[in-house]
Amino acid sequence: MAYHSFLVEPISCHAWNKDRTQIAICPNNHEVHIYEKSGAKWNKVHELKEHNGQVT
């Protein structure tokens, strides 16, 4: 089992891609942050925020 801290605030939802090399998380607002695994690190590759609705 691995452990990684992405954000300081709680997340409202998350989703993995098929091979679990990317994860999309929502920091309990209208944004979606997409991270990609690179070795032992997770790097933010995208930040979706051009909408105004709460992500659930």
PDB file of N, CA and C in Angstrom:
ATOM      1  N   MET A   1       0.834  -1.162   0.000  1.00  0.00           N
ATOM      2  CA  MET A   1       0.000   0.000   0.000  1.00  0.00           C
ATOM      3  C   MET A   1       0.891   1.242   0.000  1.00  0.00           C
ATOM      4  N   ALA A   2       0.512   2.230  -0.768  1.00  0.00           N
ATOM      5  CA  ALA A   2       1.260   3.491  -0.851  1.00  0.00           C
ATOM      6  C   ALA A   2       0.427   4.616  -0.245  1.00  0.00           C
ATOM      7  N   TYR A   3       1.099   5.650   0.195  1.00  0.00           N
ATOM      8  CA  TYR A   3       0.430   6.801   0.792  1.00  0.00           C
ATOM      9  C   TYR A   3       0.997   8.058   0.157  1.00  0.00           C
ATOM     10  N   HIS A   4       0.101   8.983  -0.248  1.00  0.00           N
ATOM     11  CA  HIS A   4       0.539  10.269  -0.778  1.00  0.00           C
ATOM     12  C   HIS A   4      -0.475  11.331  -0.380  1.00  0.00           C
ATOM     13  N   SER A   5      -0.007  12.472   0.037  1.00  0.00           N
ATOM     14  CA  SER A   5      -0.877  13.586   0.394  1.00  0.00           C
ATOM     15  C   SER A   5      -0.910  14.568  -0.773  1.00  0.00           C
ATOM     16  N   PHE A   6      -2.089  14.734  -1.400  1.00  0.00           N
ATOM     17  CA  PHE A   6      -2.215  15.615  -2.555  1.00  0.00           C
ATOM     18  C   PHE A   6      -2.516  17.050  -2.148  1.00  0.00           C
ATOM     19  N   LEU A   7      -3.476  17.238  -1.273  1.00  0.00           N
ATOM     20  CA  LEU A   7      -3.941  18.573  -0.912  1.00  0.00           C
ATOM     21  C   LEU A   7      -4.061  18.697   0.594  1.00  0.00           C
ATOM     22  N   VAL A   8      -4.149  19.934   1.064  1.00  0.00           N
ATOM     23  CA  VAL A   8      -4.346  20.175   2.489  1.00  0.00           C
ATOM     24  C   VAL A   8      -5.815  19.993   2.856  1.00  0.00           C
ATOM     25  N   GLU A   9      -6.724  20.462   1.988  1.00  0.00           N
ATOM     26  CA  GLU A   9      -8.149  20.388   2.278  1.00  0.00           C
ATOM     27  C   GLU A   9      -8.718  19.024   1.851  1.00  0.00           C
ATOM     28  N   PRO A  10      -9.902  18.667   2.373  1.00  0.00           N
ATOM     29  CA  PRO A  10     -10.542  17.402   2.005  1.00  0.00           C
ATOM     30  C   PRO A  10     -10.926  17.394   0.528  1.00  0.00           C
ATOM     31  N   ILE A  11     -11.037  16.201  -0.052  1.00  0.00           N
ATOM     32  CA  ILE A  11     -11.496  16.084  -1.432  1.00  0.00           C
ATOM     33  C   ILE A  11     -12.931  15.563  -1.426  1.00  0.00           C
ATOM     34  N   SER A  12     -13.723  15.995  -2.426  1.00  0.00           N
ATOM     35  CA  SER A  12     -15.123  15.568  -2.479  1.00  0.00           C
ATOM     36  C   SER A  12     -15.313  14.341  -3.359  1.00  0.00           C
ATOM     37  N   CYS A  13     -14.397  14.091  -4.289  1.00  0.00           N
ATOM     38  CA  CYS A  13     -14.486  12.896  -5.123  1.00  0.00           C
ATOM     39  C   CYS A  13     -13.140  12.648  -5.799  1.00  0.00           C
ATOM     40  N   HIS A  14     -12.977  11.433  -6.305  1.00  0.00           N
ATOM     41  CA  HIS A  14     -11.763  11.082  -7.027  1.00  0.00           C
ATOM     42  C   HIS A  14     -12.091   9.982  -8.035  1.00  0.00           C
ATOM     43  N   ALA A  15     -11.217   9.826  -9.018  1.00  0.00           N
ATOM     44  CA  ALA A  15     -11.372   8.767 -10.019  1.00  0.00           C
ATOM     45  C   ALA A  15      -9.996   8.405 -10.562  1.00  0.00           C
ATOM     46  N   TRP A  16      -9.789   7.107 -10.780  1.00  0.00           N
ATOM     47  CA  TRP A  16      -8.532   6.603 -11.340  1.00  0.00           C
ATOM     48  C   TRP A  16      -8.714   6.306 -12.825  1.00  0.00           C
ATOM     49  N   ASN A  17      -7.594   6.311 -13.582  1.00  0.00           N
ATOM     50  CA  ASN A  17      -7.660   5.788 -14.936  1.00  0.00           C
ATOM     51  C   ASN A  17      -7.511   4.267 -14.858  1.00  0.00           C
ATOM     52  N   LYS A  18      -7.585   3.584 -15.995  1.00  0.00           N
ATOM     53  CA  LYS A  18      -7.631   2.123 -16.014  1.00  0.00           C
ATOM     54  C   LYS A  18      -6.421   1.471 -15.357  1.00  0.00           C
ATOM     55  N   ASP A  19      -5.215   1.953 -15.634  1.00  0.00           N
ATOM     56  CA  ASP A  19      -4.012   1.313 -15.078  1.00  0.00           C
ATOM     57  C   ASP A  19      -3.488   2.002 -13.818  1.00  0.00           C
ATOM     58  N   ARG A  20      -4.274   2.931 -13.262  1.00  0.00           N
ATOM     59  CA  ARG A  20      -3.968   3.637 -12.007  1.00  0.00           C
ATOM     60  C   ARG A  20      -2.658   4.424 -12.049  1.00  0.00           C
ATOM     61  N   THR A  21      -2.338   4.960 -13.213  1.00  0.00           N
ATOM     62  CA  THR A  21      -1.175   5.838 -13.328  1.00  0.00           C
ATOM     63  C   THR A  21      -1.581   7.303 -13.270  1.00  0.00           C
ATOM     64  N   GLN A  22      -2.892   7.583 -13.301  1.00  0.00           N
ATOM     65  CA  GLN A  22      -3.410   8.939 -13.175  1.00  0.00           C
ATOM     66  C   GLN A  22      -4.599   8.926 -12.221  1.00  0.00           C
ATOM     67  N   ILE A  23      -4.740  10.027 -11.491  1.00  0.00           N
ATOM     68  CA  ILE A  23      -5.887  10.177 -10.600  1.00  0.00           C
ATOM     69  C   ILE A  23      -6.432  11.594 -10.760  1.00  0.00           C
ATOM     70  N   ALA A  24      -7.755  11.710 -10.807  1.00  0.00           N
ATOM     71  CA  ALA A  24      -8.420  13.014 -10.846  1.00  0.00           C
ATOM     72  C   ALA A  24      -9.069  13.213  -9.484  1.00  0.00           C
ATOM     73  N   ILE A  25      -8.815  14.362  -8.866  1.00  0.00           N
ATOM     74  CA  ILE A  25      -9.395  14.645  -7.554  1.00  0.00           C
ATOM     75  C   ILE A  25     -10.037  16.028  -7.569  1.00  0.00           C
ATOM     76  N   CYS A  26     -11.055  16.186  -6.741  1.00  0.00           N
ATOM     77  CA  CYS A  26     -11.734  17.473  -6.612  1.00  0.00           C
ATOM     78  C   CYS A  26     -11.542  17.987  -5.196  1.00  0.00           C
ATOM     79  N   PRO A  27     -10.946  19.170  -5.034  1.00  0.00           N
ATOM     80  CA  PRO A  27     -10.723  19.728  -3.699  1.00  0.00           C
ATOM     81  C   PRO A  27     -11.972  20.395  -3.115  1.00  0.00           C
ATOM     82  N   ASN A  28     -13.120  19.720  -3.233  1.00  0.00           N
ATOM     83  CA  ASN A  28     -14.383  20.176  -2.647  1.00  0.00           C
ATOM     84  C   ASN A  28     -14.822  21.539  -3.183  1.00  0.00           C
ATOM     85  N   ASN A  29     -14.615  21.760  -4.486  1.00  0.00           N
ATOM     86  CA  ASN A  29     -15.072  22.991  -5.137  1.00  0.00           C
ATOM     87  C   ASN A  29     -15.369  22.685  -6.605  1.00  0.00           C
ATOM     88  N   HIS A  30     -15.211  23.649  -7.493  1.00  0.00           N
ATOM     89  CA  HIS A  30     -15.523  23.461  -8.909  1.00  0.00           C
ATOM     90  C   HIS A  30     -14.320  22.994  -9.732  1.00  0.00           C
ATOM     91  N   GLU A  31     -13.179  22.779  -9.114  1.00  0.00           N
ATOM     92  CA  GLU A  31     -11.966  22.391  -9.836  1.00  0.00           C
ATOM     93  C   GLU A  31     -11.761  20.876  -9.824  1.00  0.00           C
ATOM     94  N   VAL A  32     -11.070  20.381 -10.857  1.00  0.00           N
ATOM     95  CA  VAL A  32     -10.624  18.994 -10.910  1.00  0.00           C
ATOM     96  C   VAL A  32      -9.135  19.022 -11.203  1.00  0.00           C
ATOM     97  N   HIS A  33      -8.346  18.398 -10.340  1.00  0.00           N
ATOM     98  CA  HIS A  33      -6.901  18.330 -10.516  1.00  0.00           C
ATOM     99  C   HIS A  33      -6.546  16.918 -10.960  1.00  0.00           C
ATOM    100  N   ILE A  34      -5.759  16.812 -12.030  1.00  0.00           N
ATOM    101  CA  ILE A  34      -5.352  15.508 -12.544  1.00  0.00           C
ATOM    102  C   ILE A  34      -3.860  15.340 -12.315  1.00  0.00           C
ATOM    103  N   TYR A  35      -3.514  14.236 -11.635  1.00  0.00           N
ATOM    104  CA  TYR A  35      -2.124  13.926 -11.313  1.00  0.00           C
ATOM    105  C   TYR A  35      -1.704  12.669 -12.054  1.00  0.00           C
ATOM    106  N   GLU A  36      -0.418  12.606 -12.399  1.00  0.00           N
ATOM    107  CA  GLU A  36       0.145  11.447 -13.084  1.00  0.00           C
ATOM    108  C   GLU A  36       1.333  10.930 -12.283  1.00  0.00           C
ATOM    109  N   LYS A  37       1.412   9.618 -12.144  1.00  0.00           N
ATOM    110  CA  LYS A  37       2.501   9.015 -11.371  1.00  0.00           C
ATOM    111  C   LYS A  37       3.770   8.987 -12.205  1.00  0.00           C
ATOM    112  N   SER A  38       4.855   9.443 -11.589  1.00  0.00           N
ATOM    113  CA  SER A  38       6.173   9.440 -12.223  1.00  0.00           C
ATOM    114  C   SER A  38       7.159   8.888 -11.198  1.00  0.00           C
ATOM    115  N   GLY A  39       7.467   7.608 -11.304  1.00  0.00           N
ATOM    116  CA  GLY A  39       8.303   6.964 -10.296  1.00  0.00           C
ATOM    117  C   GLY A  39       7.546   6.881  -8.989  1.00  0.00           C
ATOM    118  N   ALA A  40       8.108   7.455  -7.927  1.00  0.00           N
ATOM    119  CA  ALA A  40       7.444   7.459  -6.621  1.00  0.00           C
ATOM    120  C   ALA A  40       6.666   8.747  -6.382  1.00  0.00           C
ATOM    121  N   LYS A  41       6.678   9.680  -7.342  1.00  0.00           N
ATOM    122  CA  LYS A  41       6.029  10.984  -7.173  1.00  0.00           C
ATOM    123  C   LYS A  41       4.762  11.075  -8.009  1.00  0.00           C
ATOM    124  N   TRP A  42       3.872  11.968  -7.600  1.00  0.00           N
ATOM    125  CA  TRP A  42       2.680  12.319  -8.362  1.00  0.00           C
ATOM    126  C   TRP A  42       2.826  13.770  -8.796  1.00  0.00           C
ATOM    127  N   ASN A  43       2.726  14.020 -10.104  1.00  0.00           N
ATOM    128  CA  ASN A  43       2.858  15.369 -10.648  1.00  0.00           C
ATOM    129  C   ASN A  43       1.523  15.829 -11.212  1.00  0.00           C
ATOM    130  N   LYS A  44       1.136  17.074 -10.894  1.00  0.00           N
ATOM    131  CA  LYS A  44      -0.100  17.628 -11.454  1.00  0.00           C
ATOM    132  C   LYS A  44       0.126  17.910 -12.934  1.00  0.00           C
ATOM    133  N   VAL A  45      -0.727  17.320 -13.799  1.00  0.00           N
ATOM    134  CA  VAL A  45      -0.587  17.505 -15.241  1.00  0.00           C
ATOM    135  C   VAL A  45      -1.693  18.373 -15.829  1.00  0.00           C
ATOM    136  N   HIS A  46      -2.840  18.462 -15.144  1.00  0.00           N
ATOM    137  CA  HIS A  46      -3.952  19.291 -15.630  1.00  0.00           C
ATOM    138  C   HIS A  46      -4.721  19.861 -14.444  1.00  0.00           C
ATOM    139  N   GLU A  47      -5.336  21.006 -14.672  1.00  0.00           N
ATOM    140  CA  GLU A  47      -6.255  21.582 -13.690  1.00  0.00           C
ATOM    141  C   GLU A  47      -7.457  22.111 -14.458  1.00  0.00           C
ATOM    142  N   LEU A  48      -8.593  21.463 -14.282  1.00  0.00           N
ATOM    143  CA  LEU A  48      -9.818  21.841 -14.983  1.00  0.00           C
ATOM    144  C   LEU A  48     -10.619  22.767 -14.081  1.00  0.00           C
ATOM    145  N   LYS A  49     -10.888  23.979 -14.544  1.00  0.00           N
ATOM    146  CA  LYS A  49     -11.618  24.932 -13.701  1.00  0.00           C
ATOM    147  C   LYS A  49     -12.453  25.919 -14.502  1.00  0.00           C
ATOM    148  N   GLU A  50     -12.765  25.614 -15.739  1.00  0.00           N
ATOM    149  CA  GLU A  50     -13.530  26.545 -16.568  1.00  0.00           C
ATOM    150  C   GLU A  50     -15.028  26.258 -16.531  1.00  0.00           C
ATOM    151  N   HIS A  51     -15.526  25.860 -15.385  1.00  0.00           N
ATOM    152  CA  HIS A  51     -16.961  25.688 -15.190  1.00  0.00           C
ATOM    153  C   HIS A  51     -17.297  26.228 -13.810  1.00  0.00           C
ATOM    154  N   ASN A  52     -18.577  26.363 -13.522  1.00  0.00           N
ATOM    155  CA  ASN A  52     -18.938  26.988 -12.251  1.00  0.00           C
ATOM    156  C   ASN A  52     -19.724  26.084 -11.319  1.00  0.00           C
ATOM    157  N   GLY A  53     -19.912  24.829 -11.685  1.00  0.00           N
ATOM    158  CA  GLY A  53     -20.673  23.923 -10.831  1.00  0.00           C
ATOM    159  C   GLY A  53     -19.804  23.143  -9.871  1.00  0.00           C
ATOM    160  N   GLN A  54     -20.385  22.766  -8.743  1.00  0.00           N
ATOM    161  CA  GLN A  54     -19.690  21.941  -7.756  1.00  0.00           C
ATOM    162  C   GLN A  54     -19.474  20.546  -8.340  1.00  0.00           C
ATOM    163  N   VAL A  55     -18.295  19.991  -8.186  1.00  0.00           N
ATOM    164  CA  VAL A  55     -17.991  18.645  -8.669  1.00  0.00           C
ATOM    165  C   VAL A  55     -18.299  17.661  -7.554  1.00  0.00           C
ATOM    166  N   THR A  56     -19.118  16.645  -7.871  1.00  0.00           N
ATOM    167  CA  THR A  56     -19.460  15.631  -6.864  1.00  0.00           C
ATOM    168  C   THR A  56     -19.291  14.247  -7.425  1.00  0.00           C
TER     169      THR A  56
END
